[in-house]
Amino acid sequence: MANSTDNRPLAELITGLVSDVSILFRKEIHLAKAEASEKMSGALTGLEAFAAGLVFALAAIGVLLAALVRGLTAFLVARGFAEPTADSISSVVVGVVVALAAWGLISRGLAALRGENLKMDRTSASLRRDVQIVKERT
């Protein structure tokens, strides 16, 4: 014959509560691990975009400053500028364009790494519910 909840001894009720809390805790840990893994995956995607922006910025500086500065300098010299002046103007123009492209990529990567994207909302909501259930049972 099965005992009703009201007629069970206190020791049995406490054992059941401890068992339930233990199972609940293990499930919460599993949920936290899954959610943290998901959030880290998103953060890694942002980090990859950030790194790609840095690589692009370095490559652009190396290639564009070598090629575009010379081409723009030649164009400005053909238009009547002195070579040192044309070289300076060319360097500034190319540098600004490369800096703007790099800034855009780096900003995109940093936006993906903001704190809001790393919050574990489902785990914290589930933990709040679990605390409420344990409070109600005790």
Protein backbone atom coordinates (compact mmCIF):
# COMPACT_ATOMS: atom_id res chain seq x y z
CA MET A 1 0.00 0.00 0.00
CA ALA A 2 1.48 3.33 -1.04
CA ASN A 3 1.93 6.08 1.52
CA SER A 4 0.38 9.45 0.77
CA THR A 5 2.67 12.47 0.96
CA ASP A 6 1.05 13.58 4.22
CA ASN A 7 1.71 10.27 6.03
CA ARG A 8 5.39 9.79 5.07
CA PRO A 9 8.00 10.16 7.81
CA LEU A 10 10.06 13.37 7.96
CA ALA A 11 13.29 11.54 7.13
CA GLU A 12 11.75 10.15 3.95
CA LEU A 13 10.47 13.60 2.94
CA ILE A 14 13.91 15.17 3.52
CA THR A 15 15.60 12.37 1.58
CA GLY A 16 13.19 12.93 -1.31
CA LEU A 17 13.79 16.67 -1.21
CA VAL A 18 17.57 16.22 -1.21
CA SER A 19 17.29 13.78 -4.11
CA ASP A 20 15.05 16.15 -6.07
CA VAL A 21 17.36 19.12 -5.44
CA SER A 22 20.38 17.02 -6.45
CA ILE A 23 18.72 15.98 -9.73
CA LEU A 24 17.61 19.55 -10.33
CA PHE A 25 21.13 20.84 -9.69
CA ARG A 26 22.62 18.34 -12.18
CA LYS A 27 20.08 19.38 -14.80
CA GLU A 28 20.85 23.06 -14.21
CA ILE A 29 24.57 22.40 -14.59
CA HIS A 30 23.88 20.58 -17.86
CA LEU A 31 21.73 23.51 -19.08
CA ALA A 32 24.40 26.02 -18.06
CA LYS A 33 27.06 24.07 -19.95
CA ALA A 34 24.90 23.89 -23.07
CA GLU A 35 24.03 27.58 -22.94
CA ALA A 36 27.63 28.61 -22.24
CA SER A 37 28.77 26.53 -25.21
CA GLU A 38 26.18 28.23 -27.42
CA LYS A 39 27.21 31.70 -26.23
CA MET A 40 30.91 30.93 -26.67
CA SER A 41 30.24 29.80 -30.22
CA GLY A 42 28.67 33.19 -30.94
CA ALA A 43 31.57 34.97 -29.24
CA LEU A 44 34.07 32.98 -31.30
CA THR A 45 32.26 34.04 -34.47
CA GLY A 46 32.66 37.66 -33.39
CA LEU A 47 36.29 37.06 -32.52
CA GLU A 48 36.86 35.57 -35.96
CA ALA A 49 35.34 38.67 -37.59
CA PHE A 50 37.53 40.86 -35.38
CA ALA A 51 40.66 38.89 -36.32
CA ALA A 52 39.70 38.97 -40.00
CA GLY A 53 39.35 42.75 -39.71
CA LEU A 54 42.82 43.02 -38.22
CA VAL A 55 44.34 40.80 -40.89
CA PHE A 56 42.56 42.78 -43.58
CA ALA A 57 43.81 46.04 -42.07
CA LEU A 58 47.40 44.82 -42.03
CA ALA A 59 47.22 43.40 -45.54
CA ALA A 60 45.55 46.55 -46.81
CA ILE A 61 48.18 48.76 -45.27
CA GLY A 62 50.96 46.68 -46.77
CA VAL A 63 49.53 46.32 -50.24
CA LEU A 64 47.60 49.54 -50.68
CA LEU A 65 50.23 51.83 -49.27
CA ALA A 66 52.78 50.30 -51.61
CA ALA A 67 50.65 50.28 -54.75
CA LEU A 68 48.06 53.02 -54.37
CA VAL A 69 50.42 55.60 -52.94
CA ARG A 70 52.71 55.19 -55.92
CA GLY A 71 49.84 55.34 -58.38
CA LEU A 72 48.23 58.36 -56.77
CA THR A 73 51.61 60.06 -56.47
CA ALA A 74 52.19 59.56 -60.19
CA PHE A 75 48.72 60.95 -60.94
CA LEU A 76 49.30 64.04 -58.77
CA VAL A 77 52.75 64.63 -60.24
CA ALA A 78 51.18 64.51 -63.72
CA ARG A 79 48.72 67.19 -62.51
CA GLY A 80 51.57 69.53 -61.55
CA PHE A 81 52.23 68.72 -57.88
CA ALA A 82 55.78 68.43 -56.64
CA GLU A 83 56.73 64.81 -56.01
CA PRO A 84 57.22 65.14 -52.21
CA THR A 85 53.85 66.92 -51.87
CA ALA A 86 52.10 64.38 -54.11
CA ASP A 87 53.62 61.50 -52.12
CA SER A 88 52.41 62.98 -48.82
CA ILE A 89 48.88 63.62 -50.09
CA SER A 90 48.73 60.11 -51.57
CA SER A 91 49.81 58.52 -48.30
CA VAL A 92 47.15 60.38 -46.31
CA VAL A 93 44.32 59.58 -48.72
CA VAL A 94 45.15 55.87 -48.92
CA GLY A 95 45.72 55.65 -45.15
CA VAL A 96 42.30 57.17 -44.38
CA VAL A 97 40.47 54.81 -46.74
CA VAL A 98 42.22 51.75 -45.27
CA ALA A 99 41.57 52.95 -41.71
CA LEU A 100 37.83 53.34 -42.40
CA ALA A 101 37.57 49.81 -43.82
CA ALA A 102 39.45 48.37 -40.85
CA TRP A 103 37.33 50.34 -38.39
CA GLY A 104 34.13 48.92 -39.91
CA LEU A 105 35.31 45.30 -39.61
CA ILE A 106 36.70 45.73 -36.10
CA SER A 107 33.48 47.43 -34.93
CA ARG A 108 31.43 44.53 -36.28
CA GLY A 109 33.60 42.02 -34.42
CA LEU A 110 33.46 43.94 -31.16
CA ALA A 111 29.66 44.27 -31.41
CA ALA A 112 29.39 40.46 -31.42
CA LEU A 113 31.51 40.31 -28.25
CA ARG A 114 29.41 42.72 -26.19
CA GLY A 115 28.23 41.52 -22.77
CA GLU A 116 24.56 41.26 -23.79
CA ASN A 117 25.39 38.51 -26.26
CA LEU A 118 27.09 36.46 -23.53
CA LYS A 119 24.29 36.53 -20.92
CA MET A 120 22.85 33.13 -20.03
CA ASP A 121 19.18 34.15 -19.91
CA ARG A 122 17.61 30.69 -20.03
CA THR A 123 19.81 29.33 -17.25
CA SER A 124 19.18 32.26 -14.91
CA ALA A 125 15.41 32.10 -15.55
CA SER A 126 15.41 28.37 -14.92
CA LEU A 127 17.40 28.80 -11.70
CA ARG A 128 14.93 31.43 -10.47
CA ARG A 129 12.05 29.00 -11.13
CA ASP A 130 13.90 26.22 -9.33
CA VAL A 131 14.56 28.38 -6.29
CA GLN A 132 10.87 29.29 -6.19
CA ILE A 133 9.85 25.62 -6.39
CA VAL A 134 12.25 24.65 -3.59
CA LYS A 135 10.90 27.51 -1.46
CA GLU A 136 7.34 26.34 -2.05
CA ARG A 137 8.21 22.76 -1.06
CA THR A 138 9.89 23.73 2.21
